[in-house]
């Protein structure tokens, strides 16, 4: 799956599960780590875990497996899909780390 298509699929999945404040950052000119960051907020730590679980399961059903997943027990879960990194935060964690500021 191409980067842009993967990004759009992930965005649709998170949006359908009521993720808040979805934001995409194109990082191709800033780093070789990934082409895009997709940032989302869950309404609670339980919602954050549910969003990550749904994203992982839905993409896996399409044949796309995460290279790694970090932070399952915290307020910030990172799903690494190679060209797309998905960050799912609680509101407090997103405000604290403010990764948008770092990458824009």
C-alpha atoms as a PDB file:
ATOM      1  CA  UNK A   1       0.000   0.000   0.000  1.00  0.00           C
ATOM      2  CA  UNK A   2       1.373   3.442  -0.904  1.00  0.00           C
ATOM      3  CA  UNK A   3       2.082   5.977   1.850  1.00  0.00           C
ATOM      4  CA  UNK A   4      -0.761   8.337   0.942  1.00  0.00           C
ATOM      5  CA  UNK A   5      -3.275   5.482   0.682  1.00  0.00           C
ATOM      6  CA  UNK A   6      -2.146   4.051   4.027  1.00  0.00           C
ATOM      7  CA  UNK A   7      -2.433   7.488   5.601  1.00  0.00           C
ATOM      8  CA  UNK A   8      -5.982   7.943   4.301  1.00  0.00           C
ATOM      9  CA  UNK A   9      -7.031   4.456   5.430  1.00  0.00           C
ATOM     10  CA  UNK A  10      -5.655   5.059   8.929  1.00  0.00           C
ATOM     11  CA  UNK A  11      -7.330   8.451   9.095  1.00  0.00           C
ATOM     12  CA  UNK A  12     -10.713   7.000   8.077  1.00  0.00           C
ATOM     13  CA  UNK A  13     -10.451   4.178  10.621  1.00  0.00           C
ATOM     14  CA  UNK A  14      -9.598   6.535  13.488  1.00  0.00           C
ATOM     15  CA  UNK A  15     -12.277   9.018  12.446  1.00  0.00           C
ATOM     16  CA  UNK A  16     -14.912   6.268  12.335  1.00  0.00           C
ATOM     17  CA  UNK A  17     -14.044   5.395  15.938  1.00  0.00           C
ATOM     18  CA  UNK A  18     -14.426   8.998  17.110  1.00  0.00           C
ATOM     19  CA  UNK A  19     -10.787  10.034  17.373  1.00  0.00           C
ATOM     20  CA  UNK A  20     -10.524  13.750  18.096  1.00  0.00           C
ATOM     21  CA  UNK A  21      -8.400  16.429  16.412  1.00  0.00           C
ATOM     22  CA  UNK A  22      -6.863  14.301  13.649  1.00  0.00           C
ATOM     23  CA  UNK A  23      -3.850  15.994  12.123  1.00  0.00           C
ATOM     24  CA  UNK A  24      -1.499  14.963   9.333  1.00  0.00           C
ATOM     25  CA  UNK A  25       2.061  16.201   9.083  1.00  0.00           C
ATOM     26  CA  UNK A  26       4.054  15.531   5.907  1.00  0.00           C
ATOM     27  CA  UNK A  27       7.619  14.797   7.004  1.00  0.00           C
ATOM     28  CA  UNK A  28       9.278  13.806   3.730  1.00  0.00           C
ATOM     29  CA  UNK A  29      11.407  16.964   3.590  1.00  0.00           C
ATOM     30  CA  UNK A  30      12.351  16.843   7.282  1.00  0.00           C
ATOM     31  CA  UNK A  31      13.333  13.232   7.951  1.00  0.00           C
ATOM     32  CA  UNK A  32      13.828   9.813   6.436  1.00  0.00           C
ATOM     33  CA  UNK A  33      11.954   8.214   9.343  1.00  0.00           C
ATOM     34  CA  UNK A  34       8.550   8.405   7.637  1.00  0.00           C
ATOM     35  CA  UNK A  35       6.606  10.235   4.956  1.00  0.00           C
ATOM     36  CA  UNK A  36       3.729  11.169   7.247  1.00  0.00           C
ATOM     37  CA  UNK A  37       2.804  11.467  10.902  1.00  0.00           C
ATOM     38  CA  UNK A  38      -0.865  11.005  11.730  1.00  0.00           C
ATOM     39  CA  UNK A  39      -1.734  12.418  15.140  1.00  0.00           C
ATOM     40  CA  UNK A  40      -5.007  11.736  16.937  1.00  0.00           C
ATOM     41  CA  UNK A  41      -6.464  12.201  20.398  1.00  0.00           C
ATOM     42  CA  UNK A  42      -8.623   9.798  22.351  1.00  0.00           C
ATOM     43  CA  UNK A  43     -11.032  10.952  25.028  1.00  0.00           C
ATOM     44  CA  UNK A  44      -9.495   8.656  27.685  1.00  0.00           C
ATOM     45  CA  UNK A  45      -6.682   6.141  28.021  1.00  0.00           C
ATOM     46  CA  UNK A  46      -9.232   3.393  27.345  1.00  0.00           C
ATOM     47  CA  UNK A  47     -10.317   5.155  24.156  1.00  0.00           C
ATOM     48  CA  UNK A  48      -6.668   5.567  23.096  1.00  0.00           C
ATOM     49  CA  UNK A  49      -6.116   1.802  23.468  1.00  0.00           C
ATOM     50  CA  UNK A  50      -9.362   1.043  21.623  1.00  0.00           C
ATOM     51  CA  UNK A  51      -8.346   3.344  18.748  1.00  0.00           C
ATOM     52  CA  UNK A  52      -4.948   1.661  18.476  1.00  0.00           C
ATOM     53  CA  UNK A  53      -6.479  -1.823  18.626  1.00  0.00           C
ATOM     54  CA  UNK A  54      -9.045  -0.988  15.949  1.00  0.00           C
ATOM     55  CA  UNK A  55      -6.445   0.563  13.668  1.00  0.00           C
ATOM     56  CA  UNK A  56      -4.132  -2.408  14.050  1.00  0.00           C
ATOM     57  CA  UNK A  57      -6.910  -4.964  13.420  1.00  0.00           C
ATOM     58  CA  UNK A  58      -8.462  -3.104  10.465  1.00  0.00           C
ATOM     59  CA  UNK A  59      -5.162  -2.578   8.673  1.00  0.00           C
ATOM     60  CA  UNK A  60      -4.055  -6.143   9.403  1.00  0.00           C
ATOM     61  CA  UNK A  61      -7.277  -7.373   7.752  1.00  0.00           C
ATOM     62  CA  UNK A  62      -6.111  -5.484   4.649  1.00  0.00           C
ATOM     63  CA  UNK A  63      -2.695  -7.147   4.795  1.00  0.00           C
ATOM     64  CA  UNK A  64      -0.852  -4.238   6.427  1.00  0.00           C
ATOM     65  CA  UNK A  65       1.012  -5.095   9.625  1.00  0.00           C
ATOM     66  CA  UNK A  66       2.612  -2.606  11.977  1.00  0.00           C
ATOM     67  CA  UNK A  67       6.384  -2.839  12.212  1.00  0.00           C
ATOM     68  CA  UNK A  68       6.118  -1.968  15.861  1.00  0.00           C
ATOM     69  CA  UNK A  69       3.744  -0.668  18.490  1.00  0.00           C
ATOM     70  CA  UNK A  70       4.906   1.202  21.578  1.00  0.00           C
ATOM     71  CA  UNK A  71       3.170   2.555  24.664  1.00  0.00           C
ATOM     72  CA  UNK A  72       0.161   0.289  25.045  1.00  0.00           C
ATOM     73  CA  UNK A  73      -0.007   1.044  28.777  1.00  0.00           C
ATOM     74  CA  UNK A  74       0.479   4.807  28.524  1.00  0.00           C
ATOM     75  CA  UNK A  75      -1.433   7.835  27.280  1.00  0.00           C
ATOM     76  CA  UNK A  76       0.552   7.813  24.030  1.00  0.00           C
ATOM     77  CA  UNK A  77       0.572   4.879  21.632  1.00  0.00           C
ATOM     78  CA  UNK A  78       2.800   4.894  18.564  1.00  0.00           C
ATOM     79  CA  UNK A  79       2.033   2.566  15.657  1.00  0.00           C
ATOM     80  CA  UNK A  80       4.863   2.309  13.123  1.00  0.00           C
ATOM     81  CA  UNK A  81       3.731   1.449   9.608  1.00  0.00           C
ATOM     82  CA  UNK A  82       7.060   2.323   8.005  1.00  0.00           C
ATOM     83  CA  UNK A  83       6.163   5.308   5.866  1.00  0.00           C
ATOM     84  CA  UNK A  84       3.353   6.373   8.204  1.00  0.00           C
ATOM     85  CA  UNK A  85       3.749   6.816  11.960  1.00  0.00           C
ATOM     86  CA  UNK A  86       0.478   7.028  13.874  1.00  0.00           C
ATOM     87  CA  UNK A  87       0.525   8.776  17.252  1.00  0.00           C
ATOM     88  CA  UNK A  88      -2.565   8.380  19.429  1.00  0.00           C
ATOM     89  CA  UNK A  89      -2.604  10.482  22.591  1.00  0.00           C
ATOM     90  CA  UNK A  90      -4.793  11.347  25.515  1.00  0.00           C
ATOM     91  CA  UNK A  91      -5.502  15.085  25.557  1.00  0.00           C
ATOM     92  CA  UNK A  92      -3.061  15.730  28.411  1.00  0.00           C
ATOM     93  CA  UNK A  93      -0.227  13.759  26.805  1.00  0.00           C
ATOM     94  CA  UNK A  94      -0.734  15.452  23.450  1.00  0.00           C
ATOM     95  CA  UNK A  95      -0.554  18.891  25.039  1.00  0.00           C
ATOM     96  CA  UNK A  96       2.495  17.916  27.094  1.00  0.00           C
ATOM     97  CA  UNK A  97       4.577  16.458  24.239  1.00  0.00           C
ATOM     98  CA  UNK A  98       3.230  18.829  21.550  1.00  0.00           C
ATOM     99  CA  UNK A  99       4.936  16.961  18.713  1.00  0.00           C
ATOM    100  CA  UNK A 100       3.151  19.115  16.147  1.00  0.00           C
ATOM    101  CA  UNK A 101       5.368  22.012  17.238  1.00  0.00           C
ATOM    102  CA  UNK A 102       8.486  19.916  16.698  1.00  0.00           C
ATOM    103  CA  UNK A 103       7.614  18.809  13.156  1.00  0.00           C
ATOM    104  CA  UNK A 104       5.864  21.784  11.600  1.00  0.00           C
END
